[in-house]
Amino acid sequence: DQPGAVASWQVMARDCVTQEETTMVLPGTDHSTQLVGLTPAREYGIRVRALPRANASWGPWPEERFVSTLPELDARAEARGENWILVAWNRKEKVYPDNVTRYHLQLTGVGSSFRVSRYFEPTETAFKFTGLKPGTEYYVAVQACTGVRWGPWSTPRVLS
């Protein structure tokens, strides 16, 4: 063992609303992790402690640090015509920078196999779907990628 080497890290995330705690153990060589499955627009208390070497005792928990997850994305029809719909998307409340690297927008026909998916750069927040069947209802949903992981889909919204 090298002095200061860590055998394992223990990470605890506490939902500040429900008080539910999730704990995970990571290898000592890891220096970051991504917590998934968290609730949008929620504050979490995070703690990390070390196991200095195998068969030792865990170190003490430090004071909690607080972070907030981003509000969920919202996709909606901005304008529509007989055979087209202009869809726009954004965060319901844009409070924090979100580090989005790509968006994935999907339009699906209600009760049909029709589906169109498109990918966009983070600066694009609207797209016009054309060639649609008049009088047809569609679901629209969007998701964002932050680095290497895709986030959850927005709540599908019916457009007609």
Protein backbone atom coordinates (compact mmCIF):
# COMPACT_ATOMS: atom_id res chain seq x y z
CA ASP A 1 0.00 0.00 0.00
CA GLN A 2 1.16 3.48 -0.83
CA PRO A 3 0.65 6.18 1.79
CA GLY A 4 -2.63 7.95 1.07
CA ALA A 5 -3.86 5.18 -1.25
CA VAL A 6 -7.59 4.43 -1.07
CA ALA A 7 -8.94 0.89 -1.43
CA SER A 8 -12.59 1.96 -1.97
CA TRP A 9 -14.92 4.94 -1.92
CA GLN A 10 -18.43 4.89 -0.51
CA VAL A 11 -20.86 7.39 -2.05
CA MET A 12 -24.21 8.24 -0.45
CA ALA A 13 -26.91 10.31 -2.18
CA ARG A 14 -29.90 11.43 -0.07
CA ASP A 15 -33.06 12.78 -1.70
CA CYS A 16 -33.82 15.92 0.33
CA VAL A 17 -37.59 15.55 -0.25
CA THR A 18 -38.21 11.84 0.41
CA GLN A 19 -35.09 11.34 2.61
CA GLU A 20 -34.42 8.11 0.65
CA GLU A 21 -30.72 7.22 0.62
CA THR A 22 -28.78 5.37 -2.06
CA THR A 23 -25.28 4.12 -1.30
CA MET A 24 -22.69 2.66 -3.67
CA VAL A 25 -19.11 1.46 -3.32
CA LEU A 26 -16.53 2.37 -5.97
CA PRO A 27 -12.95 1.19 -6.53
CA GLY A 28 -10.29 3.38 -4.96
CA THR A 29 -8.94 4.17 -8.43
CA ASP A 30 -12.20 5.96 -9.38
CA HIS A 31 -12.33 9.70 -8.82
CA SER A 32 -15.79 10.46 -10.19
CA THR A 33 -19.12 8.78 -10.87
CA GLN A 34 -22.45 9.63 -12.40
CA LEU A 35 -25.58 9.02 -10.36
CA VAL A 36 -28.51 7.89 -12.54
CA GLY A 37 -32.21 7.42 -11.92
CA LEU A 38 -32.54 10.63 -9.90
CA THR A 39 -35.68 12.76 -9.89
CA PRO A 40 -35.59 15.91 -12.06
CA ALA A 41 -35.58 19.31 -10.32
CA ARG A 42 -34.69 17.78 -6.95
CA GLU A 43 -32.02 18.61 -4.37
CA TYR A 44 -29.73 15.81 -3.15
CA GLY A 45 -27.26 15.65 -0.28
CA ILE A 46 -24.03 13.89 -1.32
CA ARG A 47 -21.34 12.39 0.93
CA VAL A 48 -18.20 10.44 0.06
CA ARG A 49 -15.95 8.57 2.47
CA ALA A 50 -12.86 6.42 2.00
CA LEU A 51 -11.74 2.93 2.98
CA PRO A 52 -8.00 3.53 3.38
CA ARG A 53 -6.95 -0.07 2.73
CA ALA A 54 -8.50 -3.52 2.47
CA ASN A 55 -9.80 -4.90 5.80
CA ALA A 56 -9.66 -1.46 7.43
CA SER A 57 -12.59 0.58 8.76
CA TRP A 58 -14.40 3.18 6.70
CA GLY A 59 -13.42 6.76 7.42
CA PRO A 60 -16.01 9.16 8.86
CA TRP A 61 -18.76 10.65 6.71
CA PRO A 62 -18.00 14.29 5.90
CA GLU A 63 -20.59 17.05 5.94
CA GLU A 64 -23.13 16.76 3.11
CA ARG A 65 -22.66 18.76 -0.08
CA PHE A 66 -25.86 19.68 -1.90
CA VAL A 67 -26.54 19.46 -5.62
CA SER A 68 -29.73 19.82 -7.66
CA THR A 69 -30.78 17.82 -10.68
CA LEU A 70 -31.96 19.75 -13.71
CA PRO A 71 -35.65 20.30 -14.45
CA GLU A 72 -37.03 17.92 -17.07
CA LEU A 73 -37.21 18.82 -20.72
CA ASP A 74 -40.46 19.98 -22.28
CA ALA A 75 -41.39 19.52 -25.97
CA ARG A 76 -44.38 21.33 -27.45
CA ALA A 77 -45.93 22.46 -30.74
CA GLU A 78 -44.99 26.07 -31.46
CA ALA A 79 -46.94 26.25 -34.71
CA ARG A 80 -48.77 23.88 -37.04
CA GLY A 81 -50.18 23.70 -40.50
CA GLU A 82 -52.22 21.20 -42.49
CA ASN A 83 -49.32 18.75 -42.90
CA TRP A 84 -46.56 20.11 -40.64
CA ILE A 85 -45.80 20.79 -36.97
CA LEU A 86 -43.04 23.05 -35.62
CA VAL A 87 -41.82 21.45 -32.38
CA ALA A 88 -39.71 23.37 -29.85
CA TRP A 89 -38.10 22.13 -26.65
CA ASN A 90 -36.34 23.45 -23.57
CA ARG A 91 -36.08 22.95 -19.83
CA LYS A 92 -39.28 23.82 -17.97
CA GLU A 93 -37.09 26.09 -15.84
CA LYS A 94 -33.57 26.82 -17.08
CA VAL A 95 -31.78 27.69 -13.85
CA TYR A 96 -28.41 25.92 -14.18
CA PRO A 97 -26.06 25.27 -17.10
CA ASP A 98 -26.85 21.76 -18.28
CA ASN A 99 -23.82 20.68 -20.38
CA VAL A 100 -26.07 19.22 -23.10
CA THR A 101 -24.04 17.85 -26.03
CA ARG A 102 -26.97 16.58 -28.18
CA TYR A 103 -30.76 16.35 -28.27
CA HIS A 104 -32.85 13.44 -29.54
CA LEU A 105 -36.36 14.37 -30.69
CA GLN A 106 -38.97 11.74 -31.53
CA LEU A 107 -42.39 12.12 -33.17
CA THR A 108 -44.68 9.06 -33.03
CA GLY A 109 -48.14 8.58 -34.56
CA VAL A 110 -50.84 7.82 -31.99
CA GLY A 111 -52.13 4.30 -32.67
CA SER A 112 -49.81 3.75 -35.65
CA SER A 113 -46.30 2.52 -36.40
CA PHE A 114 -45.22 5.96 -37.69
CA ARG A 115 -42.07 7.20 -35.92
CA VAL A 116 -39.46 9.80 -36.83
CA SER A 117 -36.31 10.44 -34.81
CA ARG A 118 -33.87 13.31 -35.28
CA TYR A 119 -30.68 14.31 -33.47
CA PHE A 120 -29.64 17.92 -32.92
CA GLU A 121 -26.72 20.00 -31.72
CA PRO A 122 -27.20 21.63 -28.28
CA THR A 123 -27.81 25.05 -29.85
CA GLU A 124 -30.85 23.80 -31.80
CA THR A 125 -34.16 23.82 -29.93
CA ALA A 126 -36.80 23.62 -32.67
CA PHE A 127 -37.56 21.45 -35.71
CA LYS A 128 -40.32 21.49 -38.34
CA PHE A 129 -41.75 18.04 -39.14
CA THR A 130 -43.25 18.10 -42.66
CA GLY A 131 -45.20 15.66 -44.79
CA LEU A 132 -47.52 14.68 -41.94
CA LYS A 133 -51.00 13.28 -42.41
CA PRO A 134 -53.69 15.93 -41.79
CA GLY A 135 -55.97 15.29 -38.80
CA THR A 136 -53.55 12.77 -37.22
CA GLU A 137 -52.48 12.90 -33.58
CA TYR A 138 -48.78 12.52 -32.72
CA TYR A 139 -46.77 12.10 -29.54
CA VAL A 140 -43.59 14.16 -29.23
CA ALA A 141 -40.79 13.62 -26.70
CA VAL A 142 -37.20 14.81 -26.36
CA GLN A 143 -34.15 13.67 -24.42
CA ALA A 144 -30.75 15.27 -23.87
CA CYS A 145 -27.27 13.79 -23.85
CA THR A 146 -24.75 15.23 -21.39
CA GLY A 147 -21.40 13.81 -22.39
CA VAL A 148 -21.68 10.05 -22.80
CA ARG A 149 -25.10 9.34 -21.26
CA TRP A 150 -28.62 10.02 -22.51
CA GLY A 151 -31.03 11.43 -19.95
CA PRO A 152 -34.66 10.42 -19.52
CA TRP A 153 -37.29 11.18 -22.14
CA SER A 154 -39.54 14.15 -21.50
CA THR A 155 -43.17 13.34 -20.73
CA PRO A 156 -44.71 12.53 -24.14
CA ARG A 157 -47.09 15.26 -25.26
CA VAL A 158 -49.98 14.67 -27.68
CA LEU A 159 -50.02 17.03 -30.67
CA SER A 160 -52.92 17.13 -33.12
